[in-house]
Amino acid sequence: MNCMSQRNILIEKYKSIYFFLPKSGSTSVKLNLANVLGMDKTEEFPKGIHNPNIFPFPFVIQKELNTNYQDFFKFTIVRNPWNRLVSCYKDKIHPVDVNNKRMVNGVARPLLNCSDKFYGGMSFAAFVDVVCSISDATANNHFRSQLYQVIDSNGKLMVNYIGKLETLKESLSEISQKTGIPFNQVPHFHKSSAKPYWEYYNSVLIERVKERYKEDLEFFKYEFNSTSKSSSLGMIKEEQINKLYGSTFMQDILNEKNAQLKIEDNKEKIKNLRMKDSSSKSRNFVQQFTDFFK
């Protein structure tokens, strides 16, 4: 278990917890927090920032959030879903001849774990088709709905402050004012100089992504707008939470959460069975080896 499995970073000195969402400014925020936590004095910095073996960020087990950490400031940063999906596509889909530690035939390894329909060199339209066919229960976190990732298995919102990547500097400044966390520099890593996200879309793709991420769009108040820089949601108010819990899509999220838990539980059972089988085979081999020399 590590910060990647629990999807959060504990900043205990400032009584805060950051819930990171891939493709939503997490690299920039993690680099800042590595500095705050004194973890930036390694030659691997900043390259291995997402590797928990290199940067073992402190974290909180999610089931303890409402007990030992109930009074902590819990925040996250979200991003326009249409833009986030383009960023995911450009990062995870490469030409088919690209093979390295990250890529297999042009596809990032994590994507292959959730579907065999991704392929190197695929068009953005084809990528959208595949993404829209995968439920949040089985999706990779890089294209899994953002709201889904900040709601626990009981349907409770885990954060009380939501900032936006589009206004990251302002969001982190407000977080700093409320917590004291010194966000001194806010570099935007992985920033591309290529064409803007809206040029990847036609009317059909806009609607498909709108349907796939309708929960994110409604709760985080995003629209397909090339020029808008919508302000952060800031501190989540009680009426916003009540509206969320009473929404029509909340039951869909809970159903997906339950499905995900069953999938993860089955994976854990299979893992334990394999370990047990391997241990049994090892014991049998040792016994046979011992018997041979009697």
C-alpha atoms as a PDB file:
ATOM      1  CA  MET A   1       0.000   0.000   0.000  1.00  0.00           C
ATOM      2  CA  ASN A   2       1.281   3.473  -0.888  1.00  0.00           C
ATOM      3  CA  CYS A   3       0.143   6.981  -1.802  1.00  0.00           C
ATOM      4  CA  MET A   4      -0.674   5.823  -5.341  1.00  0.00           C
ATOM      5  CA  SER A   5      -3.123   3.154  -4.167  1.00  0.00           C
ATOM      6  CA  GLN A   6      -4.826   5.540  -1.738  1.00  0.00           C
ATOM      7  CA  ARG A   7      -4.670   8.490  -4.174  1.00  0.00           C
ATOM      8  CA  ASN A   8      -3.666  11.061  -1.592  1.00  0.00           C
ATOM      9  CA  ILE A   9      -0.715  12.806   0.058  1.00  0.00           C
ATOM     10  CA  LEU A  10      -0.666  13.704   3.748  1.00  0.00           C
ATOM     11  CA  ILE A  11       0.841  17.078   4.686  1.00  0.00           C
ATOM     12  CA  GLU A  12       0.538  16.581   8.437  1.00  0.00           C
ATOM     13  CA  LYS A  13       2.421  19.729   9.469  1.00  0.00           C
ATOM     14  CA  TYR A  14      -0.280  21.796   7.776  1.00  0.00           C
ATOM     15  CA  LYS A  15      -3.170  19.468   8.703  1.00  0.00           C
ATOM     16  CA  SER A  16      -3.931  18.959   5.015  1.00  0.00           C
ATOM     17  CA  ILE A  17      -4.459  16.108   2.555  1.00  0.00           C
ATOM     18  CA  TYR A  18      -4.081  16.445  -1.209  1.00  0.00           C
ATOM     19  CA  PHE A  19      -6.144  14.104  -3.397  1.00  0.00           C
ATOM     20  CA  PHE A  20      -4.352  13.929  -6.727  1.00  0.00           C
ATOM     21  CA  LEU A  21      -6.093  13.317 -10.035  1.00  0.00           C
ATOM     22  CA  PRO A  22      -3.991  12.299 -13.074  1.00  0.00           C
ATOM     23  CA  LYS A  23      -3.910  14.782 -15.952  1.00  0.00           C
ATOM     24  CA  SER A  24      -5.189  17.533 -13.655  1.00  0.00           C
ATOM     25  CA  GLY A  25      -2.018  19.309 -12.587  1.00  0.00           C
ATOM     26  CA  SER A  26      -0.878  16.586 -10.193  1.00  0.00           C
ATOM     27  CA  THR A  27       2.750  16.762 -11.382  1.00  0.00           C
ATOM     28  CA  SER A  28       2.992  20.472 -10.594  1.00  0.00           C
ATOM     29  CA  VAL A  29       1.371  20.099  -7.168  1.00  0.00           C
ATOM     30  CA  LYS A  30       3.436  17.018  -6.250  1.00  0.00           C
ATOM     31  CA  LEU A  31       6.676  18.823  -7.102  1.00  0.00           C
ATOM     32  CA  ASN A  32       5.676  21.646  -4.770  1.00  0.00           C
ATOM     33  CA  LEU A  33       4.737  19.222  -2.008  1.00  0.00           C
ATOM     34  CA  ALA A  34       8.017  17.310  -2.430  1.00  0.00           C
ATOM     35  CA  ASN A  35       9.757  20.577  -1.627  1.00  0.00           C
ATOM     36  CA  VAL A  36       7.466  21.254   1.357  1.00  0.00           C
ATOM     37  CA  LEU A  37       8.059  17.747   2.723  1.00  0.00           C
ATOM     38  CA  GLY A  38      11.825  17.899   2.147  1.00  0.00           C
ATOM     39  CA  MET A  39      11.739  15.140  -0.471  1.00  0.00           C
ATOM     40  CA  ASP A  40      13.344  17.091  -3.320  1.00  0.00           C
ATOM     41  CA  LYS A  41      16.967  16.448  -2.345  1.00  0.00           C
ATOM     42  CA  THR A  42      17.382  13.406  -4.575  1.00  0.00           C
ATOM     43  CA  GLU A  43      19.011  13.137  -7.993  1.00  0.00           C
ATOM     44  CA  GLU A  44      15.779  11.520  -9.220  1.00  0.00           C
ATOM     45  CA  PHE A  45      13.939  14.820  -8.692  1.00  0.00           C
ATOM     46  CA  PRO A  46      11.807  15.788 -10.538  1.00  0.00           C
ATOM     47  CA  LYS A  47      11.714  12.832 -12.975  1.00  0.00           C
ATOM     48  CA  GLY A  48      10.429  10.111 -10.652  1.00  0.00           C
ATOM     49  CA  ILE A  49       7.811  12.211  -8.898  1.00  0.00           C
ATOM     50  CA  HIS A  50       5.011   9.708  -9.664  1.00  0.00           C
ATOM     51  CA  ASN A  51       7.040   6.660  -8.578  1.00  0.00           C
ATOM     52  CA  PRO A  52       6.156   5.765  -4.949  1.00  0.00           C
ATOM     53  CA  ASN A  53       9.392   3.784  -4.626  1.00  0.00           C
ATOM     54  CA  ILE A  54      11.428   6.922  -5.346  1.00  0.00           C
ATOM     55  CA  PHE A  55       9.075   9.409  -3.682  1.00  0.00           C
ATOM     56  CA  PRO A  56       7.242   7.570  -0.871  1.00  0.00           C
ATOM     57  CA  PHE A  57       4.854  10.389  -0.021  1.00  0.00           C
ATOM     58  CA  PRO A  58       3.042   9.975   3.318  1.00  0.00           C
ATOM     59  CA  PHE A  59      -0.614   9.106   2.852  1.00  0.00           C
ATOM     60  CA  VAL A  60      -3.848   8.332   4.666  1.00  0.00           C
ATOM     61  CA  ILE A  61      -5.775   5.075   4.371  1.00  0.00           C
ATOM     62  CA  GLN A  62      -9.115   6.223   3.011  1.00  0.00           C
ATOM     63  CA  LYS A  63     -11.204   4.480   5.673  1.00  0.00           C
ATOM     64  CA  GLU A  64      -9.450   6.609   8.319  1.00  0.00           C
ATOM     65  CA  LEU A  65     -10.312   9.945   6.682  1.00  0.00           C
ATOM     66  CA  ASN A  66     -13.459  10.481   8.737  1.00  0.00           C
ATOM     67  CA  THR A  67     -11.924   9.403  12.052  1.00  0.00           C
ATOM     68  CA  ASN A  68      -8.321  10.445  12.662  1.00  0.00           C
ATOM     69  CA  TYR A  69      -8.328  13.115   9.935  1.00  0.00           C
ATOM     70  CA  GLN A  70     -11.838  14.495  10.122  1.00  0.00           C
ATOM     71  CA  ASP A  71     -10.671  18.067  10.777  1.00  0.00           C
ATOM     72  CA  PHE A  72      -7.950  18.136   8.106  1.00  0.00           C
ATOM     73  CA  PHE A  73      -8.197  20.413   5.074  1.00  0.00           C
ATOM     74  CA  LYS A  74      -8.749  18.084   2.098  1.00  0.00           C
ATOM     75  CA  PHE A  75      -8.263  19.462  -1.384  1.00  0.00           C
ATOM     76  CA  THR A  76      -8.009  18.460  -5.017  1.00  0.00           C
ATOM     77  CA  ILE A  77      -7.484  20.076  -8.423  1.00  0.00           C
ATOM     78  CA  VAL A  78      -9.787  19.266 -11.370  1.00  0.00           C
ATOM     79  CA  ARG A  79      -9.627  19.977 -15.086  1.00  0.00           C
ATOM     80  CA  ASN A  80     -11.980  20.541 -18.004  1.00  0.00           C
ATOM     81  CA  PRO A  81     -12.898  16.952 -19.070  1.00  0.00           C
ATOM     82  CA  TRP A  82     -12.616  17.698 -22.804  1.00  0.00           C
ATOM     83  CA  ASN A  83      -9.117  19.111 -22.284  1.00  0.00           C
ATOM     84  CA  ARG A  84      -8.111  16.357 -19.840  1.00  0.00           C
ATOM     85  CA  LEU A  85      -9.027  13.634 -22.329  1.00  0.00           C
ATOM     86  CA  VAL A  86      -6.933  15.229 -25.080  1.00  0.00           C
ATOM     87  CA  SER A  87      -4.009  15.427 -22.640  1.00  0.00           C
ATOM     88  CA  CYS A  88      -4.462  11.748 -21.813  1.00  0.00           C
ATOM     89  CA  TYR A  89      -4.545  10.829 -25.497  1.00  0.00           C
ATOM     90  CA  LYS A  90      -1.350  12.751 -26.325  1.00  0.00           C
ATOM     91  CA  ASP A  91       0.471  11.249 -23.337  1.00  0.00           C
ATOM     92  CA  LYS A  92      -0.709   7.638 -23.600  1.00  0.00           C
ATOM     93  CA  ILE A  93      -1.037   6.979 -27.356  1.00  0.00           C
ATOM     94  CA  HIS A  94       2.125   7.128 -29.497  1.00  0.00           C
ATOM     95  CA  PRO A  95       3.118   5.744 -32.927  1.00  0.00           C
ATOM     96  CA  VAL A  96       2.858   1.954 -33.071  1.00  0.00           C
ATOM     97  CA  ASP A  97       6.643   1.446 -33.272  1.00  0.00           C
ATOM     98  CA  VAL A  98       7.280   3.046 -29.857  1.00  0.00           C
ATOM     99  CA  ASN A  99       8.379   0.437 -27.298  1.00  0.00           C
ATOM    100  CA  ASN A 100      10.055   1.260 -23.994  1.00  0.00           C
ATOM    101  CA  LYS A 101       9.468   1.045 -20.239  1.00  0.00           C
ATOM    102  CA  ARG A 102       6.283   3.113 -20.561  1.00  0.00           C
ATOM    103  CA  MET A 103       4.941   2.019 -23.934  1.00  0.00           C
ATOM    104  CA  VAL A 104       4.044  -1.246 -25.676  1.00  0.00           C
ATOM    105  CA  ASN A 105       3.529  -0.865 -29.430  1.00  0.00           C
ATOM    106  CA  GLY A 106       2.637   2.777 -28.927  1.00  0.00           C
ATOM    107  CA  VAL A 107       0.246   2.325 -25.978  1.00  0.00           C
ATOM    108  CA  ALA A 108       1.010   3.249 -22.370  1.00  0.00           C
ATOM    109  CA  ARG A 109       1.119   0.094 -20.246  1.00  0.00           C
ATOM    110  CA  PRO A 110      -1.569   1.179 -17.725  1.00  0.00           C
ATOM    111  CA  LEU A 111      -4.138   1.514 -20.525  1.00  0.00           C
ATOM    112  CA  LEU A 112      -3.515  -2.067 -21.644  1.00  0.00           C
ATOM    113  CA  ASN A 113      -4.490  -3.269 -18.182  1.00  0.00           C
ATOM    114  CA  CYS A 114      -8.069  -2.036 -18.604  1.00  0.00           C
ATOM    115  CA  SER A 115      -8.727  -2.756 -22.291  1.00  0.00           C
ATOM    116  CA  ASP A 116      -7.190  -4.490 -25.304  1.00  0.00           C
ATOM    117  CA  LYS A 117      -8.945  -2.080 -27.665  1.00  0.00           C
ATOM    118  CA  PHE A 118      -6.313   0.640 -27.412  1.00  0.00           C
ATOM    119  CA  TYR A 119      -3.661   0.551 -30.145  1.00  0.00           C
ATOM    120  CA  GLY A 120      -0.667   2.612 -31.169  1.00  0.00           C
ATOM    121  CA  GLY A 121      -1.278   5.398 -33.639  1.00  0.00           C
ATOM    122  CA  MET A 122      -5.062   5.327 -33.154  1.00  0.00           C
ATOM    123  CA  SER A 123      -6.942   8.521 -33.979  1.00  0.00           C
ATOM    124  CA  PHE A 124      -8.405  10.692 -31.254  1.00  0.00           C
ATOM    125  CA  ALA A 125     -11.916   9.740 -32.430  1.00  0.00           C
ATOM    126  CA  ALA A 126     -11.063   6.038 -32.037  1.00  0.00           C
ATOM    127  CA  PHE A 127      -9.566   6.769 -28.610  1.00  0.00           C
ATOM    128  CA  VAL A 128     -12.796   8.498 -27.526  1.00  0.00           C
ATOM    129  CA  ASP A 129     -14.804   5.477 -28.725  1.00  0.00           C
ATOM    130  CA  VAL A 130     -12.789   3.140 -26.515  1.00  0.00           C
ATOM    131  CA  VAL A 131     -12.848   5.447 -23.482  1.00  0.00           C
ATOM    132  CA  CYS A 132     -16.619   5.848 -23.753  1.00  0.00           C
ATOM    133  CA  SER A 133     -17.046   2.058 -23.809  1.00  0.00           C
ATOM    134  CA  ILE A 134     -15.228   1.595 -20.475  1.00  0.00           C
ATOM    135  CA  SER A 135     -17.037   2.159 -17.179  1.00  0.00           C
ATOM    136  CA  ASP A 136     -15.431   4.022 -14.293  1.00  0.00           C
ATOM    137  CA  ALA A 137     -15.331   0.737 -12.374  1.00  0.00           C
ATOM    138  CA  THR A 138     -12.717  -0.654 -14.778  1.00  0.00           C
ATOM    139  CA  ALA A 139     -11.230   2.563 -16.197  1.00  0.00           C
ATOM    140  CA  ASN A 140      -7.667   3.708 -15.704  1.00  0.00           C
ATOM    141  CA  ASN A 141      -7.366   6.713 -13.385  1.00  0.00           C
ATOM    142  CA  HIS A 142      -6.006   8.860 -16.216  1.00  0.00           C
ATOM    143  CA  PHE A 143      -9.417   8.899 -17.909  1.00  0.00           C
ATOM    144  CA  ARG A 144     -11.659   7.811 -15.032  1.00  0.00           C
ATOM    145  CA  SER A 145     -14.182  10.499 -14.050  1.00  0.00           C
ATOM    146  CA  GLN A 146     -12.709  12.989 -11.597  1.00  0.00           C
ATOM    147  CA  LEU A 147     -15.751  13.186  -9.326  1.00  0.00           C
ATOM    148  CA  TYR A 148     -15.749   9.399  -9.102  1.00  0.00           C
ATOM    149  CA  GLN A 149     -12.196   9.491  -7.735  1.00  0.00           C
ATOM    150  CA  VAL A 150     -12.991  11.879  -4.875  1.00  0.00           C
ATOM    151  CA  ILE A 151     -16.053   9.986  -3.631  1.00  0.00           C
ATOM    152  CA  ASP A 152     -15.508   7.053  -1.271  1.00  0.00           C
ATOM    153  CA  SER A 153     -17.222   3.667  -1.477  1.00  0.00           C
ATOM    154  CA  ASN A 154     -20.002   4.909   0.828  1.00  0.00           C
ATOM    155  CA  GLY A 155     -20.811   7.797  -1.483  1.00  0.00           C
ATOM    156  CA  LYS A 156     -19.188  10.480   0.654  1.00  0.00           C
ATOM    157  CA  LEU A 157     -17.248  13.372  -0.914  1.00  0.00           C
ATOM    158  CA  MET A 158     -13.704  13.114   0.462  1.00  0.00           C
ATOM    159  CA  VAL A 159     -12.610  16.730  -0.174  1.00  0.00           C
ATOM    160  CA  ASN A 160     -13.809  20.064   1.144  1.00  0.00           C
ATOM    161  CA  TYR A 161     -11.964  22.288  -1.342  1.00  0.00           C
ATOM    162  CA  ILE A 162     -11.864  21.970  -5.142  1.00  0.00           C
ATOM    163  CA  GLY A 163      -9.518  24.069  -7.258  1.00  0.00           C
ATOM    164  CA  LYS A 164      -9.121  24.095 -11.027  1.00  0.00           C
ATOM    165  CA  LEU A 165      -6.118  23.605 -13.271  1.00  0.00           C
ATOM    166  CA  GLU A 166      -7.301  26.451 -15.488  1.00  0.00           C
ATOM    167  CA  THR A 167      -6.700  28.820 -12.561  1.00  0.00           C
ATOM    168  CA  LEU A 168      -4.069  26.763 -10.741  1.00  0.00           C
ATOM    169  CA  LYS A 169      -2.045  29.687  -9.454  1.00  0.00           C
ATOM    170  CA  GLU A 170      -5.098  31.318  -7.915  1.00  0.00           C
ATOM    171  CA  SER A 171      -6.373  28.008  -6.489  1.00  0.00           C
ATOM    172  CA  LEU A 172      -3.057  27.182  -4.808  1.00  0.00           C
ATOM    173  CA  SER A 173      -2.791  30.724  -3.480  1.00  0.00           C
ATOM    174  CA  GLU A 174      -6.163  30.300  -1.777  1.00  0.00           C
ATOM    175  CA  ILE A 175      -5.161  26.878  -0.428  1.00  0.00           C
ATOM    176  CA  SER A 176      -1.947  28.419   0.908  1.00  0.00           C
ATOM    177  CA  GLN A 177      -3.912  31.160   2.666  1.00  0.00           C
ATOM    178  CA  LYS A 178      -6.174  28.602   4.339  1.00  0.00           C
ATOM    179  CA  THR A 179      -3.494  26.066   5.306  1.00  0.00           C
ATOM    180  CA  GLY A 180      -0.126  27.828   5.326  1.00  0.00           C
ATOM    181  CA  ILE A 181       1.329  25.414   2.749  1.00  0.00           C
ATOM    182  CA  PRO A 182       3.990  27.468   0.884  1.00  0.00           C
ATOM    183  CA  PHE A 183       3.271  26.962  -2.812  1.00  0.00           C
ATOM    184  CA  ASN A 184       6.169  29.131  -3.929  1.00  0.00           C
ATOM    185  CA  GLN A 185       6.294  28.167  -7.600  1.00  0.00           C
ATOM    186  CA  VAL A 186       3.600  26.725  -9.799  1.00  0.00           C
ATOM    187  CA  PRO A 187       5.258  25.350 -12.939  1.00  0.00           C
ATOM    188  CA  HIS A 188       2.927  23.673 -15.417  1.00  0.00           C
ATOM    189  CA  PHE A 189       4.744  20.504 -16.442  1.00  0.00           C
ATOM    190  CA  HIS A 190       3.798  18.477 -19.528  1.00  0.00           C
ATOM    191  CA  LYS A 191       2.445  21.662 -21.081  1.00  0.00           C
ATOM    192  CA  SER A 192       2.147  21.226 -24.819  1.00  0.00           C
ATOM    193  CA  SER A 193       2.674  23.837 -27.505  1.00  0.00           C
ATOM    194  CA  ALA A 194       0.599  21.781 -29.951  1.00  0.00           C
ATOM    195  CA  LYS A 195      -2.889  22.701 -31.129  1.00  0.00           C
ATOM    196  CA  PRO A 196      -5.476  23.560 -28.438  1.00  0.00           C
ATOM    197  CA  TYR A 197      -7.819  20.842 -27.209  1.00  0.00           C
ATOM    198  CA  TRP A 198     -10.953  22.156 -28.949  1.00  0.00           C
ATOM    199  CA  GLU A 199      -9.372  21.564 -32.354  1.00  0.00           C
ATOM    200  CA  TYR A 200      -9.442  17.807 -31.680  1.00  0.00           C
ATOM    201  CA  TYR A 201     -13.225  17.804 -31.528  1.00  0.00           C
ATOM    202  CA  ASN A 202     -16.169  17.847 -33.892  1.00  0.00           C
ATOM    203  CA  SER A 203     -19.803  18.103 -32.804  1.00  0.00           C
ATOM    204  CA  VAL A 204     -20.174  14.328 -32.450  1.00  0.00           C
ATOM    205  CA  LEU A 205     -17.096  13.935 -30.240  1.00  0.00           C
ATOM    206  CA  ILE A 206     -18.127  16.897 -28.101  1.00  0.00           C
ATOM    207  CA  GLU A 207     -21.449  15.212 -27.323  1.00  0.00           C
ATOM    208  CA  ARG A 208     -19.895  11.791 -26.698  1.00  0.00           C
ATOM    209  CA  VAL A 209     -17.454  13.188 -24.152  1.00  0.00           C
ATOM    210  CA  LYS A 210     -20.226  15.327 -22.653  1.00  0.00           C
ATOM    211  CA  GLU A 211     -22.262  12.185 -21.994  1.00  0.00           C
ATOM    212  CA  ARG A 212     -19.279  10.180 -20.688  1.00  0.00           C
ATOM    213  CA  TYR A 213     -18.293  12.869 -18.175  1.00  0.00           C
ATOM    214  CA  LYS A 214     -21.691  14.399 -17.415  1.00  0.00           C
ATOM    215  CA  GLU A 215     -21.132  14.094 -13.635  1.00  0.00           C
ATOM    216  CA  ASP A 216     -17.853  16.026 -13.831  1.00  0.00           C
ATOM    217  CA  LEU A 217     -19.345  18.672 -16.087  1.00  0.00           C
ATOM    218  CA  GLU A 218     -22.342  19.256 -13.856  1.00  0.00           C
ATOM    219  CA  PHE A 219     -20.639  19.247 -10.470  1.00  0.00           C
ATOM    220  CA  PHE A 220     -17.447  21.074 -11.452  1.00  0.00           C
ATOM    221  CA  LYS A 221     -19.353  23.481 -13.738  1.00  0.00           C
ATOM    222  CA  TYR A 222     -17.470  23.048 -17.005  1.00  0.00           C
ATOM    223  CA  GLU A 223     -18.564  23.806 -20.545  1.00  0.00           C
ATOM    224  CA  PHE A 224     -16.945  23.207 -23.903  1.00  0.00           C
ATOM    225  CA  ASN A 225     -15.521  26.690 -24.210  1.00  0.00           C
ATOM    226  CA  SER A 226     -12.128  27.466 -25.710  1.00  0.00           C
ATOM    227  CA  THR A 227     -11.673  30.755 -23.905  1.00  0.00           C
ATOM    228  CA  SER A 228     -13.329  30.413 -20.493  1.00  0.00           C
ATOM    229  CA  LYS A 229     -11.224  30.205 -17.365  1.00  0.00           C
ATOM    230  CA  SER A 230     -13.876  29.236 -14.860  1.00  0.00           C
ATOM    231  CA  SER A 231     -12.999  29.968 -11.258  1.00  0.00           C
ATOM    232  CA  SER A 232     -12.413  27.217  -8.722  1.00  0.00           C
ATOM    233  CA  LEU A 233     -15.303  25.840  -6.702  1.00  0.00           C
ATOM    234  CA  GLY A 234     -13.325  26.674  -3.577  1.00  0.00           C
ATOM    235  CA  MET A 235     -14.712  25.502  -0.248  1.00  0.00           C
ATOM    236  CA  ILE A 236     -17.586  23.099  -0.847  1.00  0.00           C
ATOM    237  CA  LYS A 237     -20.788  24.369   0.724  1.00  0.00           C
ATOM    238  CA  GLU A 238     -23.401  22.227   2.425  1.00  0.00           C
ATOM    239  CA  GLU A 239     -26.007  22.973  -0.239  1.00  0.00           C
ATOM    240  CA  GLN A 240     -23.575  21.744  -2.933  1.00  0.00           C
ATOM    241  CA  ILE A 241     -23.070  18.478  -1.051  1.00  0.00           C
ATOM    242  CA  ASN A 242     -26.820  18.029  -0.542  1.00  0.00           C
ATOM    243  CA  LYS A 243     -27.394  18.664  -4.242  1.00  0.00           C
ATOM    244  CA  LEU A 244     -24.714  16.104  -5.104  1.00  0.00           C
ATOM    245  CA  TYR A 245     -26.137  13.437  -2.802  1.00  0.00           C
ATOM    246  CA  GLY A 246     -29.613  14.042  -4.199  1.00  0.00           C
ATOM    247  CA  SER A 247     -28.522  13.997  -7.846  1.00  0.00           C
ATOM    248  CA  THR A 248     -29.715  11.420 -10.345  1.00  0.00           C
ATOM    249  CA  PHE A 249     -26.172  10.321 -11.164  1.00  0.00           C
ATOM    250  CA  MET A 250     -25.136   9.613  -7.561  1.00  0.00           C
ATOM    251  CA  GLN A 251     -26.653   6.128  -7.653  1.00  0.00           C
ATOM    252  CA  ASP A 252     -24.769   5.424 -10.885  1.00  0.00           C
ATOM    253  CA  ILE A 253     -21.519   6.368  -9.146  1.00  0.00           C
ATOM    254  CA  LEU A 254     -22.309   4.089  -6.189  1.00  0.00           C
ATOM    255  CA  ASN A 255     -23.135   1.196  -8.518  1.00  0.00           C
ATOM    256  CA  GLU A 256     -19.782   1.683 -10.269  1.00  0.00           C
ATOM    257  CA  LYS A 257     -18.010   1.852  -6.895  1.00  0.00           C
ATOM    258  CA  ASN A 258     -19.565  -1.439  -5.818  1.00  0.00           C
ATOM    259  CA  ALA A 259     -18.574  -3.031  -9.122  1.00  0.00           C
ATOM    260  CA  GLN A 260     -15.008  -1.761  -8.684  1.00  0.00           C
ATOM    261  CA  LEU A 261     -14.809  -3.168  -5.148  1.00  0.00           C
ATOM    262  CA  LYS A 262     -15.922  -6.592  -6.397  1.00  0.00           C
ATOM    263  CA  ILE A 263     -13.319  -6.513  -9.190  1.00  0.00           C
ATOM    264  CA  GLU A 264     -10.545  -5.510  -6.769  1.00  0.00           C
ATOM    265  CA  ASP A 265     -11.688  -8.135  -4.250  1.00  0.00           C
ATOM    266  CA  ASN A 266     -11.572 -10.853  -6.932  1.00  0.00           C
ATOM    267  CA  LYS A 267      -8.103  -9.718  -8.012  1.00  0.00           C
ATOM    268  CA  GLU A 268      -6.917  -9.929  -4.398  1.00  0.00           C
ATOM    269  CA  LYS A 269      -8.383 -13.430  -4.018  1.00  0.00           C
ATOM    270  CA  ILE A 270      -6.660 -14.602  -7.218  1.00  0.00           C
ATOM    271  CA  LYS A 271      -3.381 -13.059  -6.026  1.00  0.00           C
ATOM    272  CA  ASN A 272      -3.655 -14.850  -2.665  1.00  0.00           C
ATOM    273  CA  LEU A 273      -4.483 -18.162  -4.352  1.00  0.00           C
ATOM    274  CA  ARG A 274      -1.441 -17.844  -6.616  1.00  0.00           C
ATOM    275  CA  MET A 275       0.785 -17.047  -3.645  1.00  0.00           C
ATOM    276  CA  LYS A 276      -0.645 -20.007  -1.753  1.00  0.00           C
ATOM    277  CA  ASP A 277      -0.160 -22.288  -4.764  1.00  0.00           C
ATOM    278  CA  SER A 278       3.399 -21.041  -5.240  1.00  0.00           C
ATOM    279  CA  SER A 279       4.175 -21.569  -1.559  1.00  0.00           C
ATOM    280  CA  SER A 280       2.715 -25.080  -1.698  1.00  0.00           C
ATOM    281  CA  LYS A 281       4.804 -25.970  -4.755  1.00  0.00           C
ATOM    282  CA  SER A 282       7.901 -24.625  -3.040  1.00  0.00           C
ATOM    283  CA  ARG A 283       7.260 -26.747   0.064  1.00  0.00           C
ATOM    284  CA  ASN A 284       6.701 -29.840  -2.067  1.00  0.00           C
ATOM    285  CA  PHE A 285       9.968 -29.232  -3.917  1.00  0.00           C
ATOM    286  CA  VAL A 286      11.883 -28.869  -0.638  1.00  0.00           C
ATOM    287  CA  GLN A 287      10.307 -32.065   0.699  1.00  0.00           C
ATOM    288  CA  GLN A 288      11.173 -33.984  -2.480  1.00  0.00           C
ATOM    289  CA  PHE A 289      14.725 -32.642  -2.387  1.00  0.00           C
ATOM    290  CA  THR A 290      15.075 -33.681   1.278  1.00  0.00           C
ATOM    291  CA  ASP A 291      13.632 -37.138   0.627  1.00  0.00           C
ATOM    292  CA  PHE A 292      16.063 -37.655  -2.261  1.00  0.00           C
ATOM    293  CA  PHE A 293      19.097 -37.354   0.021  1.00  0.00           C
ATOM    294  CA  LYS A 294      17.720 -39.461   2.900  1.00  0.00           C
END
